[in-house]
Protein backbone atom coordinates (compact mmCIF):
# COMPACT_ATOMS: atom_id res chain seq x y z
CA MET A 1 59.20 142.40 89.80
CA THR A 2 57.59 144.13 92.75
CA THR A 3 56.49 140.75 94.13
CA ASP A 4 60.11 139.52 94.28
CA ARG A 5 61.16 142.71 96.05
CA ASN A 6 58.36 142.36 98.65
CA GLN A 7 59.32 138.75 99.34
CA GLN A 8 62.95 139.78 99.89
CA HIS A 9 61.89 142.47 102.36
CA ARG A 10 59.76 139.94 104.30
CA ALA A 11 62.49 137.29 104.37
CA LEU A 12 65.07 139.66 105.84
CA PRO A 13 63.16 140.37 109.11
CA LEU A 14 62.28 136.69 109.52
CA GLY A 15 65.95 135.77 109.18
CA ARG A 16 66.91 138.35 111.78
CA ILE A 17 64.21 137.13 114.16
CA ALA A 18 65.34 133.51 113.76
CA GLY A 19 68.95 134.57 114.34
CA ALA A 20 68.00 136.52 117.46
CA ILE A 21 66.05 133.58 118.85
CA ALA A 22 68.98 131.23 118.19
CA LEU A 23 71.36 133.68 119.90
CA VAL A 24 69.11 133.89 122.99
CA ILE A 25 68.87 130.09 123.23
CA VAL A 26 72.62 129.59 122.87
CA GLY A 27 73.31 132.35 125.41
CA TRP A 28 70.85 130.88 127.91
CA LEU A 29 72.37 127.42 127.50
CA ALA A 30 75.88 128.80 128.01
CA VAL A 31 74.82 130.51 131.26
CA VAL A 32 73.07 127.39 132.56
CA VAL A 33 76.09 125.19 131.79
CA ALA A 34 78.48 127.71 133.38
CA LEU A 35 76.36 127.86 136.54
CA THR A 36 76.57 124.09 137.01
CA PHE A 37 80.31 124.38 137.69
CA GLY A 38 79.51 126.47 140.77
CA SER A 39 77.02 123.96 142.17
CA ALA A 40 77.48 122.87 145.75
CA PRO A 41 78.56 119.29 146.45
CA GLY A 42 75.65 116.94 147.05
CA LYS A 43 73.35 118.48 144.42
CA SER A 44 71.69 116.30 141.83
CA MET A 45 72.97 116.70 138.28
CA ALA A 46 71.24 115.68 135.05
CA VAL A 47 73.66 114.18 132.55
CA VAL A 48 72.13 114.56 129.10
CA GLY A 49 73.09 112.12 126.36
CA PRO A 50 73.04 108.43 125.53
CA GLN A 51 72.44 106.31 128.62
CA SER A 52 75.54 104.15 128.21
CA GLN A 53 77.81 107.18 127.82
CA ALA A 54 76.22 108.95 130.81
CA LEU A 55 76.49 105.89 133.07
CA ALA A 56 80.15 105.42 132.15
CA ALA A 57 80.92 109.11 132.82
CA ILE A 58 79.18 109.00 136.20
CA ALA A 59 81.08 105.86 137.20
CA ARG A 60 84.43 107.41 136.19
CA ALA A 61 83.54 110.63 138.07
CA ASN A 62 82.76 108.68 141.29
CA GLY A 63 79.08 109.65 141.32
CA ARG A 64 75.94 107.85 142.46
CA ILE A 65 73.23 107.14 139.92
CA LEU A 66 69.77 108.15 141.17
CA ALA A 67 67.64 107.64 138.05
CA SER A 68 68.21 106.92 134.40
CA ASN A 69 66.41 106.65 131.08
CA ASP A 70 67.39 106.77 127.41
CA TYR A 71 68.03 110.53 127.26
CA PHE A 72 69.17 111.69 130.68
CA THR A 73 70.60 110.30 133.88
CA ILE A 74 70.34 111.88 137.34
CA ALA A 75 73.44 111.54 139.50
CA ARG A 76 74.88 112.97 142.68
CA SER A 77 78.25 113.19 144.39
CA ASP A 78 79.26 114.69 147.72
CA ASP A 79 82.71 115.56 146.36
CA ALA A 80 83.58 119.02 145.04
CA GLY A 81 84.33 119.25 141.33
CA PHE A 82 81.80 116.61 140.30
CA VAL A 83 80.64 118.54 137.22
CA ALA A 84 84.19 119.04 135.95
CA ARG A 85 84.91 115.34 136.47
CA LEU A 86 81.75 114.42 134.55
CA TYR A 87 82.84 116.49 131.56
CA ALA A 88 86.37 115.10 131.79
CA ALA A 89 84.90 111.58 131.80
CA GLY A 90 82.97 112.23 128.58
CA ALA A 91 79.57 113.63 129.58
CA LEU A 92 77.96 115.58 126.72
CA LEU A 93 75.93 118.05 128.79
CA VAL A 94 75.52 118.42 132.56
CA LEU A 95 72.72 120.49 134.07
CA ASP A 96 71.54 121.13 137.62
CA ALA A 97 68.71 118.61 137.86
CA GLU A 98 66.72 120.68 140.32
CA GLN A 99 66.87 123.75 138.06
CA ALA A 100 66.38 121.83 134.82
CA GLY A 101 63.21 120.04 135.74
CA GLY A 102 62.75 119.58 139.43
CA CYS A 103 64.49 116.21 139.63
CA SER A 104 66.21 116.08 142.99
CA GLY A 105 66.44 112.34 143.44
CA LEU A 106 64.46 112.74 146.64
CA PRO A 107 61.01 111.29 147.24
CA GLN A 108 58.21 113.62 146.20
CA LYS A 109 56.43 115.53 148.94
CA ARG A 110 52.84 114.54 149.37
CA PHE A 111 50.31 117.28 149.76
CA ALA A 112 47.33 116.83 152.01
CA THR A 113 44.00 117.41 150.35
CA ARG A 114 40.99 118.81 152.11
CA LEU A 115 37.52 117.57 151.39
């Protein structure tokens, strides 16, 4: 009987820890998504979701496709309100590409190496 009681006491803190971690992740994601609405025109956006759905949303939102694969598509528009138009056109999740993973759609800078 004491073994069952000890297992219950251990499970309770683990459940609270898992809940706290989930709350932090959801809160972080909400902040990141909210910040994309304030992005300046001309910034690269990562549209997360199936490629066909992302491409269709970008086309309907009058954006330019910079790069695409099965899970995310990088797009850009010089018009204000691009993120809102992407969501209205059916995008699942839109993130600032430069903040999310350094994808700007620009050529990579080459660093000189010294010998």
